[in-house]
Amino acid sequence: MTHVSDMSGPRNENDDMWNRALTLLAGAALAALLVSGPAAADPPDRDALREAVSRGEIRPLAEILDIVRSKLPGEIIGVEVENRKDRWTYELRVLDPKGRLFEVHVDARTGAIERIREK
């Protein structure tokens, strides 16, 4: 599969500046997420998420980030947490070095990556 960024011709100084800007933006978004703690769910679910982490029912976000980074290099630009039928799932968005966006679903209890899908 050819990605549009592979067809754009030689890189120039503006490309490097754009990539640095994207990296800074993604880093800022991740920092804001991490500062808010492991509760990346909607406000009503925050307490339940914190309780589940403290009881050891699900892994903390920091562990999940390490797992995903080891399997899929790039910047993590978004994190969501869902609880459906008493089953917690982390959903992460990862921007790879070529600019492709991936959605990664992780079992919050085991840390197992369930699927990776390019968006």
PDB file of N, CA and C in Angstrom:
ATOM      1  N   MET A   1       0.844  -1.166   0.000  1.00  0.00           N
ATOM      2  CA  MET A   1       0.000   0.000   0.000  1.00  0.00           C
ATOM      3  C   MET A   1       0.896   1.238   0.000  1.00  0.00           C
ATOM      4  N   THR A   2       0.614   2.148  -0.875  1.00  0.00           N
ATOM      5  CA  THR A   2       1.358   3.403  -0.928  1.00  0.00           C
ATOM      6  C   THR A   2       0.579   4.459  -0.187  1.00  0.00           C
ATOM      7  N   HIS A   3       1.266   5.152   0.667  1.00  0.00           N
ATOM      8  CA  HIS A   3       0.637   6.227   1.430  1.00  0.00           C
ATOM      9  C   HIS A   3       0.896   7.538   0.705  1.00  0.00           C
ATOM     10  N   VAL A   4      -0.042   8.455   0.784  1.00  0.00           N
ATOM     11  CA  VAL A   4       0.080   9.720   0.075  1.00  0.00           C
ATOM     12  C   VAL A   4       1.354  10.463   0.470  1.00  0.00           C
ATOM     13  N   SER A   5       1.809  10.330   1.707  1.00  0.00           N
ATOM     14  CA  SER A   5       3.030  11.017   2.125  1.00  0.00           C
ATOM     15  C   SER A   5       4.262  10.442   1.427  1.00  0.00           C
ATOM     16  N   ASP A   6       4.179   9.182   0.950  1.00  0.00           N
ATOM     17  CA  ASP A   6       5.293   8.579   0.236  1.00  0.00           C
ATOM     18  C   ASP A   6       5.411   9.116  -1.185  1.00  0.00           C
ATOM     19  N   MET A   7       4.351   9.716  -1.703  1.00  0.00           N
ATOM     20  CA  MET A   7       4.330  10.195  -3.074  1.00  0.00           C
ATOM     21  C   MET A   7       4.557  11.700  -3.175  1.00  0.00           C
ATOM     22  N   SER A   8       4.829  12.348  -2.078  1.00  0.00           N
ATOM     23  CA  SER A   8       4.879  13.803  -2.076  1.00  0.00           C
ATOM     24  C   SER A   8       6.197  14.380  -2.567  1.00  0.00           C
ATOM     25  N   GLY A   9       7.146  13.534  -2.940  1.00  0.00           N
ATOM     26  CA  GLY A   9       8.404  14.043  -3.452  1.00  0.00           C
ATOM     27  C   GLY A   9       9.415  14.235  -2.347  1.00  0.00           C
ATOM     28  N   PRO A  10      10.513  14.905  -2.684  1.00  0.00           N
ATOM     29  CA  PRO A  10      11.577  15.072  -1.692  1.00  0.00           C
ATOM     30  C   PRO A  10      11.141  15.923  -0.522  1.00  0.00           C
ATOM     31  N   ARG A  11      11.719  15.619   0.623  1.00  0.00           N
ATOM     32  CA  ARG A  11      11.408  16.372   1.837  1.00  0.00           C
ATOM     33  C   ARG A  11      12.121  17.707   1.784  1.00  0.00           C
ATOM     34  N   ASN A  12      11.523  18.679   2.435  1.00  0.00           N
ATOM     35  CA  ASN A  12      12.174  19.981   2.526  1.00  0.00           C
ATOM     36  C   ASN A  12      12.062  20.509   3.948  1.00  0.00           C
ATOM     37  N   GLU A  13      12.579  21.698   4.173  1.00  0.00           N
ATOM     38  CA  GLU A  13      12.585  22.286   5.514  1.00  0.00           C
ATOM     39  C   GLU A  13      11.174  22.468   6.059  1.00  0.00           C
ATOM     40  N   ASN A  14      10.208  22.798   5.202  1.00  0.00           N
ATOM     41  CA  ASN A  14       8.823  22.973   5.653  1.00  0.00           C
ATOM     42  C   ASN A  14       8.230  21.662   6.141  1.00  0.00           C
ATOM     43  N   ASP A  15       8.610  20.544   5.490  1.00  0.00           N
ATOM     44  CA  ASP A  15       8.134  19.237   5.951  1.00  0.00           C
ATOM     45  C   ASP A  15       8.624  18.960   7.365  1.00  0.00           C
ATOM     46  N   ASP A  16       9.910  19.231   7.594  1.00  0.00           N
ATOM     47  CA  ASP A  16      10.468  19.007   8.923  1.00  0.00           C
ATOM     48  C   ASP A  16       9.783  19.889   9.957  1.00  0.00           C
ATOM     49  N   MET A  17       9.505  21.134   9.605  1.00  0.00           N
ATOM     50  CA  MET A  17       8.835  22.048  10.523  1.00  0.00           C
ATOM     51  C   MET A  17       7.416  21.542  10.818  1.00  0.00           C
ATOM     52  N   TRP A  18       6.721  21.079   9.797  1.00  0.00           N
ATOM     53  CA  TRP A  18       5.364  20.542   9.958  1.00  0.00           C
ATOM     54  C   TRP A  18       5.386  19.313  10.871  1.00  0.00           C
ATOM     55  N   ASN A  19       6.356  18.420  10.642  1.00  0.00           N
ATOM     56  CA  ASN A  19       6.451  17.221  11.479  1.00  0.00           C
ATOM     57  C   ASN A  19       6.746  17.580  12.926  1.00  0.00           C
ATOM     58  N   ARG A  20       7.629  18.549  13.155  1.00  0.00           N
ATOM     59  CA  ARG A  20       7.913  18.980  14.526  1.00  0.00           C
ATOM     60  C   ARG A  20       6.668  19.577  15.175  1.00  0.00           C
ATOM     61  N   ALA A  21       5.906  20.359  14.403  1.00  0.00           N
ATOM     62  CA  ALA A  21       4.685  20.966  14.944  1.00  0.00           C
ATOM     63  C   ALA A  21       3.675  19.881  15.318  1.00  0.00           C
ATOM     64  N   LEU A  22       3.522  18.876  14.458  1.00  0.00           N
ATOM     65  CA  LEU A  22       2.598  17.773  14.758  1.00  0.00           C
ATOM     66  C   LEU A  22       3.049  17.002  15.995  1.00  0.00           C
ATOM     67  N   THR A  23       4.350  16.780  16.101  1.00  0.00           N
ATOM     68  CA  THR A  23       4.879  16.066  17.257  1.00  0.00           C
ATOM     69  C   THR A  23       4.619  16.849  18.541  1.00  0.00           C
ATOM     70  N   LEU A  24       4.861  18.159  18.501  1.00  0.00           N
ATOM     71  CA  LEU A  24       4.610  18.989  19.680  1.00  0.00           C
ATOM     72  C   LEU A  24       3.136  18.985  20.057  1.00  0.00           C
ATOM     73  N   LEU A  25       2.262  19.075  19.047  1.00  0.00           N
ATOM     74  CA  LEU A  25       0.821  19.074  19.301  1.00  0.00           C
ATOM     75  C   LEU A  25       0.387  17.746  19.914  1.00  0.00           C
ATOM     76  N   ALA A  26       0.876  16.653  19.349  1.00  0.00           N
ATOM     77  CA  ALA A  26       0.519  15.340  19.884  1.00  0.00           C
ATOM     78  C   ALA A  26       1.050  15.178  21.302  1.00  0.00           C
ATOM     79  N   GLY A  27       2.269  15.652  21.528  1.00  0.00           N
ATOM     80  CA  GLY A  27       2.848  15.570  22.871  1.00  0.00           C
ATOM     81  C   GLY A  27       2.052  16.376  23.875  1.00  0.00           C
ATOM     82  N   ALA A  28       1.607  17.560  23.457  1.00  0.00           N
ATOM     83  CA  ALA A  28       0.808  18.402  24.357  1.00  0.00           C
ATOM     84  C   ALA A  28      -0.527  17.731  24.680  1.00  0.00           C
ATOM     85  N   ALA A  29      -1.119  17.116  23.671  1.00  0.00           N
ATOM     86  CA  ALA A  29      -2.400  16.433  23.902  1.00  0.00           C
ATOM     87  C   ALA A  29      -2.217  15.268  24.864  1.00  0.00           C
ATOM     88  N   LEU A  30      -1.137  14.517  24.676  1.00  0.00           N
ATOM     89  CA  LEU A  30      -0.877  13.391  25.564  1.00  0.00           C
ATOM     90  C   LEU A  30      -0.568  13.878  26.978  1.00  0.00           C
ATOM     91  N   ALA A  31       0.205  14.948  27.088  1.00  0.00           N
ATOM     92  CA  ALA A  31       0.523  15.491  28.409  1.00  0.00           C
ATOM     93  C   ALA A  31      -0.744  15.923  29.132  1.00  0.00           C
ATOM     94  N   ALA A  32      -1.653  16.569  28.410  1.00  0.00           N
ATOM     95  CA  ALA A  32      -2.913  16.995  29.022  1.00  0.00           C
ATOM     96  C   ALA A  32      -3.703  15.793  29.505  1.00  0.00           C
ATOM     97  N   LEU A  33      -3.682  14.734  28.722  1.00  0.00           N
ATOM     98  CA  LEU A  33      -4.379  13.509  29.107  1.00  0.00           C
ATOM     99  C   LEU A  33      -3.764  12.908  30.358  1.00  0.00           C
ATOM    100  N   LEU A  34      -2.434  12.829  30.392  1.00  0.00           N
ATOM    101  CA  LEU A  34      -1.768  12.208  31.525  1.00  0.00           C
ATOM    102  C   LEU A  34      -1.908  13.036  32.792  1.00  0.00           C
ATOM    103  N   VAL A  35      -1.931  14.358  32.663  1.00  0.00           N
ATOM    104  CA  VAL A  35      -2.094  15.221  33.824  1.00  0.00           C
ATOM    105  C   VAL A  35      -3.455  14.996  34.467  1.00  0.00           C
ATOM    106  N   SER A  36      -4.448  14.705  33.636  1.00  0.00           N
ATOM    107  CA  SER A  36      -5.790  14.501  34.165  1.00  0.00           C
ATOM    108  C   SER A  36      -5.927  13.149  34.864  1.00  0.00           C
ATOM    109  N   GLY A  37      -4.873  12.331  34.813  1.00  0.00           N
ATOM    110  CA  GLY A  37      -4.905  11.038  35.476  1.00  0.00           C
ATOM    111  C   GLY A  37      -5.390   9.964  34.535  1.00  0.00           C
ATOM    112  N   PRO A  38      -5.585   8.759  35.047  1.00  0.00           N
ATOM    113  CA  PRO A  38      -5.950   7.646  34.189  1.00  0.00           C
ATOM    114  C   PRO A  38      -7.388   7.684  33.719  1.00  0.00           C
ATOM    115  N   ALA A  39      -8.165   8.639  34.166  1.00  0.00           N
ATOM    116  CA  ALA A  39      -9.581   8.679  33.803  1.00  0.00           C
ATOM    117  C   ALA A  39      -9.782   9.423  32.504  1.00  0.00           C
ATOM    118  N   ALA A  40      -9.794   8.680  31.402  1.00  0.00           N
ATOM    119  CA  ALA A  40      -9.984   9.294  30.101  1.00  0.00           C
ATOM    120  C   ALA A  40     -11.421   9.092  29.620  1.00  0.00           C
ATOM    121  N   ALA A  41     -12.265   8.578  30.456  1.00  0.00           N
ATOM    122  CA  ALA A  41     -13.650   8.331  30.088  1.00  0.00           C
ATOM    123  C   ALA A  41     -14.481   9.583  30.324  1.00  0.00           C
ATOM    124  N   ASP A  42     -15.735   9.530  29.936  1.00  0.00           N
ATOM    125  CA  ASP A  42     -16.636  10.649  30.192  1.00  0.00           C
ATOM    126  C   ASP A  42     -16.728  10.884  31.692  1.00  0.00           C
ATOM    127  N   PRO A  43     -17.040  12.109  32.126  1.00  0.00           N
ATOM    128  CA  PRO A  43     -17.053  12.429  33.559  1.00  0.00           C
ATOM    129  C   PRO A  43     -17.826  11.452  34.444  1.00  0.00           C
ATOM    130  N   PRO A  44     -19.008  10.959  34.047  1.00  0.00           N
ATOM    131  CA  PRO A  44     -19.702  10.033  34.939  1.00  0.00           C
ATOM    132  C   PRO A  44     -18.935   8.728  35.188  1.00  0.00           C
ATOM    133  N   ASP A  45     -18.033   8.347  34.272  1.00  0.00           N
ATOM    134  CA  ASP A  45     -17.314   7.090  34.403  1.00  0.00           C
ATOM    135  C   ASP A  45     -15.976   7.232  35.135  1.00  0.00           C
ATOM    136  N   ARG A  46     -15.560   8.440  35.418  1.00  0.00           N
ATOM    137  CA  ARG A  46     -14.239   8.647  36.025  1.00  0.00           C
ATOM    138  C   ARG A  46     -14.073   7.918  37.350  1.00  0.00           C
ATOM    139  N   ASP A  47     -15.017   8.050  38.222  1.00  0.00           N
ATOM    140  CA  ASP A  47     -14.899   7.392  39.520  1.00  0.00           C
ATOM    141  C   ASP A  47     -14.845   5.878  39.360  1.00  0.00           C
ATOM    142  N   ALA A  48     -15.673   5.341  38.495  1.00  0.00           N
ATOM    143  CA  ALA A  48     -15.679   3.890  38.273  1.00  0.00           C
ATOM    144  C   ALA A  48     -14.344   3.436  37.696  1.00  0.00           C
ATOM    145  N   LEU A  49     -13.772   4.229  36.805  1.00  0.00           N
ATOM    146  CA  LEU A  49     -12.484   3.890  36.214  1.00  0.00           C
ATOM    147  C   LEU A  49     -11.378   3.919  37.268  1.00  0.00           C
ATOM    148  N   ARG A  50     -11.352   4.949  38.071  1.00  0.00           N
ATOM    149  CA  ARG A  50     -10.339   5.041  39.138  1.00  0.00           C
ATOM    150  C   ARG A  50     -10.466   3.878  40.122  1.00  0.00           C
ATOM    151  N   GLU A  51     -11.701   3.542  40.470  1.00  0.00           N
ATOM    152  CA  GLU A  51     -11.922   2.422  41.391  1.00  0.00           C
ATOM    153  C   GLU A  51     -11.464   1.107  40.776  1.00  0.00           C
ATOM    154  N   ALA A  52     -11.740   0.913  39.491  1.00  0.00           N
ATOM    155  CA  ALA A  52     -11.334  -0.323  38.815  1.00  0.00           C
ATOM    156  C   ALA A  52      -9.812  -0.444  38.774  1.00  0.00           C
ATOM    157  N   VAL A  53      -9.116   0.659  38.548  1.00  0.00           N
ATOM    158  CA  VAL A  53      -7.646   0.641  38.555  1.00  0.00           C
ATOM    159  C   VAL A  53      -7.147   0.342  39.965  1.00  0.00           C
ATOM    160  N   SER A  54      -7.706   1.013  40.960  1.00  0.00           N
ATOM    161  CA  SER A  54      -7.224   0.809  42.338  1.00  0.00           C
ATOM    162  C   SER A  54      -7.500  -0.609  42.836  1.00  0.00           C
ATOM    163  N   ARG A  55      -8.566  -1.244  42.357  1.00  0.00           N
ATOM    164  CA  ARG A  55      -8.875  -2.625  42.744  1.00  0.00           C
ATOM    165  C   ARG A  55      -8.067  -3.640  41.942  1.00  0.00           C
ATOM    166  N   GLY A  56      -7.338  -3.167  40.938  1.00  0.00           N
ATOM    167  CA  GLY A  56      -6.547  -4.071  40.104  1.00  0.00           C
ATOM    168  C   GLY A  56      -7.351  -4.779  39.035  1.00  0.00           C
ATOM    169  N   GLU A  57      -8.571  -4.317  38.795  1.00  0.00           N
ATOM    170  CA  GLU A  57      -9.412  -4.949  37.776  1.00  0.00           C
ATOM    171  C   GLU A  57      -8.951  -4.595  36.372  1.00  0.00           C
ATOM    172  N   ILE A  58      -8.346  -3.421  36.211  1.00  0.00           N
ATOM    173  CA  ILE A  58      -7.816  -3.005  34.926  1.00  0.00           C
ATOM    174  C   ILE A  58      -6.428  -2.410  35.132  1.00  0.00           C
ATOM    175  N   ARG A  59      -5.662  -2.395  34.076  1.00  0.00           N
ATOM    176  CA  ARG A  59      -4.305  -1.852  34.143  1.00  0.00           C
ATOM    177  C   ARG A  59      -4.341  -0.334  34.034  1.00  0.00           C
ATOM    178  N   PRO A  60      -3.399   0.323  34.698  1.00  0.00           N
ATOM    179  CA  PRO A  60      -3.325   1.783  34.586  1.00  0.00           C
ATOM    180  C   PRO A  60      -2.946   2.199  33.166  1.00  0.00           C
ATOM    181  N   LEU A  61      -3.332   3.408  32.814  1.00  0.00           N
ATOM    182  CA  LEU A  61      -3.068   3.931  31.476  1.00  0.00           C
ATOM    183  C   LEU A  61      -1.579   3.888  31.145  1.00  0.00           C
ATOM    184  N   ALA A  62      -0.708   4.195  32.092  1.00  0.00           N
ATOM    185  CA  ALA A  62       0.739   4.200  31.824  1.00  0.00           C
ATOM    186  C   ALA A  62       1.206   2.836  31.316  1.00  0.00           C
ATOM    187  N   GLU A  63       0.694   1.756  31.896  1.00  0.00           N
ATOM    188  CA  GLU A  63       1.067   0.413  31.440  1.00  0.00           C
ATOM    189  C   GLU A  63       0.563   0.160  30.024  1.00  0.00           C
ATOM    190  N   ILE A  64      -0.664   0.579  29.754  1.00  0.00           N
ATOM    191  CA  ILE A  64      -1.250   0.375  28.428  1.00  0.00           C
ATOM    192  C   ILE A  64      -0.450   1.153  27.379  1.00  0.00           C
ATOM    193  N   LEU A  65      -0.059   2.371  27.707  1.00  0.00           N
ATOM    194  CA  LEU A  65       0.741   3.171  26.778  1.00  0.00           C
ATOM    195  C   LEU A  65       2.056   2.471  26.459  1.00  0.00           C
ATOM    196  N   ASP A  66       2.711   1.905  27.454  1.00  0.00           N
ATOM    197  CA  ASP A  66       3.968   1.183  27.235  1.00  0.00           C
ATOM    198  C   ASP A  66       3.760  -0.014  26.313  1.00  0.00           C
ATOM    199  N   ILE A  67       2.686  -0.747  26.520  1.00  0.00           N
ATOM    200  CA  ILE A  67       2.379  -1.923  25.701  1.00  0.00           C
ATOM    201  C   ILE A  67       2.168  -1.517  24.252  1.00  0.00           C
ATOM    202  N   VAL A  68       1.359  -0.492  24.038  1.00  0.00           N
ATOM    203  CA  VAL A  68       1.051  -0.069  22.671  1.00  0.00           C
ATOM    204  C   VAL A  68       2.296   0.492  21.989  1.00  0.00           C
ATOM    205  N   ARG A  69       3.062   1.296  22.698  1.00  0.00           N
ATOM    206  CA  ARG A  69       4.287   1.868  22.105  1.00  0.00           C
ATOM    207  C   ARG A  69       5.275   0.780  21.685  1.00  0.00           C
ATOM    208  N   SER A  70       5.306  -0.343  22.415  1.00  0.00           N
ATOM    209  CA  SER A  70       6.239  -1.419  22.066  1.00  0.00           C
ATOM    210  C   SER A  70       5.817  -2.145  20.789  1.00  0.00           C
ATOM    211  N   LYS A  71       4.547  -2.083  20.449  1.00  0.00           N
ATOM    212  CA  LYS A  71       4.036  -2.786  19.273  1.00  0.00           C
ATOM    213  C   LYS A  71       3.829  -1.883  18.062  1.00  0.00           C
ATOM    214  N   LEU A  72       3.586  -0.596  18.299  1.00  0.00           N
ATOM    215  CA  LEU A  72       3.256   0.321  17.204  1.00  0.00           C
ATOM    216  C   LEU A  72       3.943   1.662  17.446  1.00  0.00           C
ATOM    217  N   PRO A  73       5.090   1.871  16.794  1.00  0.00           N
ATOM    218  CA  PRO A  73       5.805   3.134  16.990  1.00  0.00           C
ATOM    219  C   PRO A  73       4.989   4.312  16.477  1.00  0.00           C
ATOM    220  N   GLY A  74       5.123   5.434  17.147  1.00  0.00           N
ATOM    221  CA  GLY A  74       4.431   6.650  16.740  1.00  0.00           C
ATOM    222  C   GLY A  74       3.975   7.441  17.945  1.00  0.00           C
ATOM    223  N   GLU A  75       3.225   8.480  17.678  1.00  0.00           N
ATOM    224  CA  GLU A  75       2.697   9.349  18.731  1.00  0.00           C
ATOM    225  C   GLU A  75       1.280   8.932  19.081  1.00  0.00           C
ATOM    226  N   ILE A  76       1.012   8.757  20.361  1.00  0.00           N
ATOM    227  CA  ILE A  76      -0.344   8.455  20.819  1.00  0.00           C
ATOM    228  C   ILE A  76      -1.055   9.790  20.949  1.00  0.00           C
ATOM    229  N   ILE A  77      -2.094   9.980  20.131  1.00  0.00           N
ATOM    230  CA  ILE A  77      -2.756  11.283  20.074  1.00  0.00           C
ATOM    231  C   ILE A  77      -4.163  11.270  20.657  1.00  0.00           C
ATOM    232  N   GLY A  78      -4.623  10.111  21.082  1.00  0.00           N
ATOM    233  CA  GLY A  78      -5.948  10.052  21.691  1.00  0.00           C
ATOM    234  C   GLY A  78      -6.148   8.768  22.459  1.00  0.00           C
ATOM    235  N   VAL A  79      -6.893   8.874  23.549  1.00  0.00           N
ATOM    236  CA  VAL A  79      -7.191   7.702  24.380  1.00  0.00           C
ATOM    237  C   VAL A  79      -8.640   7.794  24.836  1.00  0.00           C
ATOM    238  N   GLU A  80      -9.356   6.692  24.707  1.00  0.00           N
ATOM    239  CA  GLU A  80     -10.705   6.577  25.246  1.00  0.00           C
ATOM    240  C   GLU A  80     -10.771   5.290  26.053  1.00  0.00           C
ATOM    241  N   VAL A  81     -11.655   5.283  27.022  1.00  0.00           N
ATOM    242  CA  VAL A  81     -11.873   4.079  27.820  1.00  0.00           C
ATOM    243  C   VAL A  81     -13.362   3.791  27.808  1.00  0.00           C
ATOM    244  N   GLU A  82     -13.702   2.522  27.568  1.00  0.00           N
ATOM    245  CA  GLU A  82     -15.116   2.140  27.536  1.00  0.00           C
ATOM    246  C   GLU A  82     -15.344   0.981  28.491  1.00  0.00           C
ATOM    247  N   ASN A  83     -16.538   0.956  29.059  1.00  0.00           N
ATOM    248  CA  ASN A  83     -16.955  -0.164  29.885  1.00  0.00           C
ATOM    249  C   ASN A  83     -18.296  -0.637  29.350  1.00  0.00           C
ATOM    250  N   ARG A  84     -18.253  -1.769  28.658  1.00  0.00           N
ATOM    251  CA  ARG A  84     -19.480  -2.350  28.115  1.00  0.00           C
ATOM    252  C   ARG A  84     -19.680  -3.713  28.737  1.00  0.00           C
ATOM    253  N   LYS A  85     -20.825  -3.886  29.344  1.00  0.00           N
ATOM    254  CA  LYS A  85     -21.169  -5.164  29.977  1.00  0.00           C
ATOM    255  C   LYS A  85     -20.062  -5.612  30.930  1.00  0.00           C
ATOM    256  N   ASP A  86     -19.611  -4.683  31.770  1.00  0.00           N
ATOM    257  CA  ASP A  86     -18.571  -4.948  32.770  1.00  0.00           C
ATOM    258  C   ASP A  86     -17.250  -5.394  32.160  1.00  0.00           C
ATOM    259  N   ARG A  87     -16.975  -4.959  30.939  1.00  0.00           N
ATOM    260  CA  ARG A  87     -15.702  -5.256  30.274  1.00  0.00           C
ATOM    261  C   ARG A  87     -15.076  -3.937  29.844  1.00  0.00           C
ATOM    262  N   TRP A  88     -13.911  -3.633  30.417  1.00  0.00           N
ATOM    263  CA  TRP A  88     -13.210  -2.388  30.129  1.00  0.00           C
ATOM    264  C   TRP A  88     -12.295  -2.553  28.916  1.00  0.00           C
ATOM    265  N   THR A  89     -12.284  -1.523  28.057  1.00  0.00           N
ATOM    266  CA  THR A  89     -11.431  -1.513  26.875  1.00  0.00           C
ATOM    267  C   THR A  89     -10.813  -0.133  26.715  1.00  0.00           C
ATOM    268  N   TYR A  90      -9.510  -0.106  26.440  1.00  0.00           N
ATOM    269  CA  TYR A  90      -8.840   1.138  26.054  1.00  0.00           C
ATOM    270  C   TYR A  90      -8.831   1.209  24.533  1.00  0.00           C
ATOM    271  N   GLU A  91      -9.143   2.387  23.994  1.00  0.00           N
ATOM    272  CA  GLU A  91      -9.045   2.621  22.558  1.00  0.00           C
ATOM    273  C   GLU A  91      -8.085   3.790  22.363  1.00  0.00           C
ATOM    274  N   LEU A  92      -6.991   3.530  21.662  1.00  0.00           N
ATOM    275  CA  LEU A  92      -5.972   4.550  21.452  1.00  0.00           C
ATOM    276  C   LEU A  92      -5.872   4.891  19.975  1.00  0.00           C
ATOM    277  N   ARG A  93      -5.527   6.119  19.696  1.00  0.00           N
ATOM    278  CA  ARG A  93      -5.244   6.557  18.330  1.00  0.00           C
ATOM    279  C   ARG A  93      -3.749   6.852  18.271  1.00  0.00           C
ATOM    280  N   VAL A  94      -3.101   6.236  17.281  1.00  0.00           N
ATOM    281  CA  VAL A  94      -1.652   6.365  17.139  1.00  0.00           C
ATOM    282  C   VAL A  94      -1.344   6.901  15.752  1.00  0.00           C
ATOM    283  N   LEU A  95      -0.533   7.949  15.709  1.00  0.00           N
ATOM    284  CA  LEU A  95      -0.062   8.531  14.460  1.00  0.00           C
ATOM    285  C   LEU A  95       1.352   8.008  14.231  1.00  0.00           C
ATOM    286  N   ASP A  96       1.537   7.204  13.165  1.00  0.00           N
ATOM    287  CA  ASP A  96       2.853   6.609  12.954  1.00  0.00           C
ATOM    288  C   ASP A  96       3.795   7.606  12.274  1.00  0.00           C
ATOM    289  N   PRO A  97       5.077   7.265  12.181  1.00  0.00           N
ATOM    290  CA  PRO A  97       6.051   8.193  11.612  1.00  0.00           C
ATOM    291  C   PRO A  97       5.766   8.601  10.155  1.00  0.00           C
ATOM    292  N   LYS A  98       4.976   7.804   9.427  1.00  0.00           N
ATOM    293  CA  LYS A  98       4.635   8.146   8.046  1.00  0.00           C
ATOM    294  C   LYS A  98       3.350   8.969   7.963  1.00  0.00           C
ATOM    295  N   GLY A  99       2.753   9.288   9.113  1.00  0.00           N
ATOM    296  CA  GLY A  99       1.537  10.099   9.117  1.00  0.00           C
ATOM    297  C   GLY A  99       0.251   9.305   9.041  1.00  0.00           C
ATOM    298  N   ARG A 100       0.343   7.989   9.134  1.00  0.00           N
ATOM    299  CA  ARG A 100      -0.867   7.158   9.097  1.00  0.00           C
ATOM    300  C   ARG A 100      -1.475   7.103  10.488  1.00  0.00           C
ATOM    301  N   LEU A 101      -2.797   7.079  10.541  1.00  0.00           N
ATOM    302  CA  LEU A 101      -3.526   7.034  11.809  1.00  0.00           C
ATOM    303  C   LEU A 101      -4.049   5.625  12.043  1.00  0.00           C
ATOM    304  N   PHE A 102      -3.773   5.105  13.241  1.00  0.00           N
ATOM    305  CA  PHE A 102      -4.225   3.769  13.615  1.00  0.00           C
ATOM    306  C   PHE A 102      -5.097   3.841  14.857  1.00  0.00           C
ATOM    307  N   GLU A 103      -6.081   2.964  14.911  1.00  0.00           N
ATOM    308  CA  GLU A 103      -6.929   2.804  16.080  1.00  0.00           C
ATOM    309  C   GLU A 103      -6.549   1.466  16.705  1.00  0.00           C
ATOM    310  N   VAL A 104      -6.211   1.499  17.998  1.00  0.00           N
ATOM    311  CA  VAL A 104      -5.748   0.304  18.694  1.00  0.00           C
ATOM    312  C   VAL A 104      -6.707   0.011  19.839  1.00  0.00           C
ATOM    313  N   HIS A 105      -7.241  -1.200  19.875  1.00  0.00           N
ATOM    314  CA  HIS A 105      -8.142  -1.629  20.950  1.00  0.00           C
ATOM    315  C   HIS A 105      -7.384  -2.585  21.860  1.00  0.00           C
ATOM    316  N   VAL A 106      -7.418  -2.278  23.172  1.00  0.00           N
ATOM    317  CA  VAL A 106      -6.660  -3.052  24.152  1.00  0.00           C
ATOM    318  C   VAL A 106      -7.595  -3.491  25.279  1.00  0.00           C
ATOM    319  N   ASP A 107      -7.512  -4.769  25.625  1.00  0.00           N
ATOM    320  CA  ASP A 107      -8.256  -5.281  26.778  1.00  0.00           C
ATOM    321  C   ASP A 107      -7.656  -4.636  28.018  1.00  0.00           C
ATOM    322  N   ALA A 108      -8.448  -3.877  28.747  1.00  0.00           N
ATOM    323  CA  ALA A 108      -7.949  -3.112  29.889  1.00  0.00           C
ATOM    324  C   ALA A 108      -7.539  -4.006  31.062  1.00  0.00           C
ATOM    325  N   ARG A 109      -8.097  -5.191  31.164  1.00  0.00           N
ATOM    326  CA  ARG A 109      -7.756  -6.091  32.266  1.00  0.00           C
ATOM    327  C   ARG A 109      -6.423  -6.780  32.019  1.00  0.00           C
ATOM    328  N   THR A 110      -6.226  -7.298  30.803  1.00  0.00           N
ATOM    329  CA  THR A 110      -5.024  -8.080  30.509  1.00  0.00           C
ATOM    330  C   THR A 110      -3.915  -7.274  29.848  1.00  0.00           C
ATOM    331  N   GLY A 111      -4.278  -6.183  29.184  1.00  0.00           N
ATOM    332  CA  GLY A 111      -3.299  -5.414  28.418  1.00  0.00           C
ATOM    333  C   GLY A 111      -3.068  -5.988  27.030  1.00  0.00           C
ATOM    334  N   ALA A 112      -3.834  -7.007  26.649  1.00  0.00           N
ATOM    335  CA  ALA A 112      -3.675  -7.624  25.336  1.00  0.00           C
ATOM    336  C   ALA A 112      -4.246  -6.714  24.250  1.00  0.00           C
ATOM    337  N   ILE A 113      -3.470  -6.537  23.184  1.00  0.00           N
ATOM    338  CA  ILE A 113      -3.961  -5.770  22.037  1.00  0.00           C
ATOM    339  C   ILE A 113      -4.919  -6.661  21.269  1.00  0.00           C
ATOM    340  N   GLU A 114      -6.161  -6.198  21.163  1.00  0.00           N
ATOM    341  CA  GLU A 114      -7.186  -7.001  20.496  1.00  0.00           C
ATOM    342  C   GLU A 114      -7.207  -6.783  18.992  1.00  0.00           C
ATOM    343  N   ARG A 115      -7.010  -5.533  18.580  1.00  0.00           N
ATOM    344  CA  ARG A 115      -6.951  -5.255  17.153  1.00  0.00           C
ATOM    345  C   ARG A 115      -6.322  -3.893  16.906  1.00  0.00           C
ATOM    346  N   ILE A 116      -5.708  -3.805  15.724  1.00  0.00           N
ATOM    347  CA  ILE A 116      -5.134  -2.554  15.251  1.00  0.00           C
ATOM    348  C   ILE A 116      -5.712  -2.331  13.866  1.00  0.00           C
ATOM    349  N   ARG A 117      -6.283  -1.143  13.688  1.00  0.00           N
ATOM    350  CA  ARG A 117      -6.942  -0.838  12.416  1.00  0.00           C
ATOM    351  C   ARG A 117      -6.460   0.524  11.920  1.00  0.00           C
ATOM    352  N   GLU A 118      -6.065   0.574  10.640  1.00  0.00           N
ATOM    353  CA  GLU A 118      -5.694   1.857  10.062  1.00  0.00           C
ATOM    354  C   GLU A 118      -6.955   2.638   9.725  1.00  0.00           C
ATOM    355  N   LYS A 119      -6.961   3.903  10.090  1.00  0.00           N
ATOM    356  CA  LYS A 119      -8.135   4.753   9.833  1.00  0.00           C
ATOM    357  C   LYS A 119      -7.973   5.471   8.523  1.00  0.00           C
TER     358      LYS A 119
END
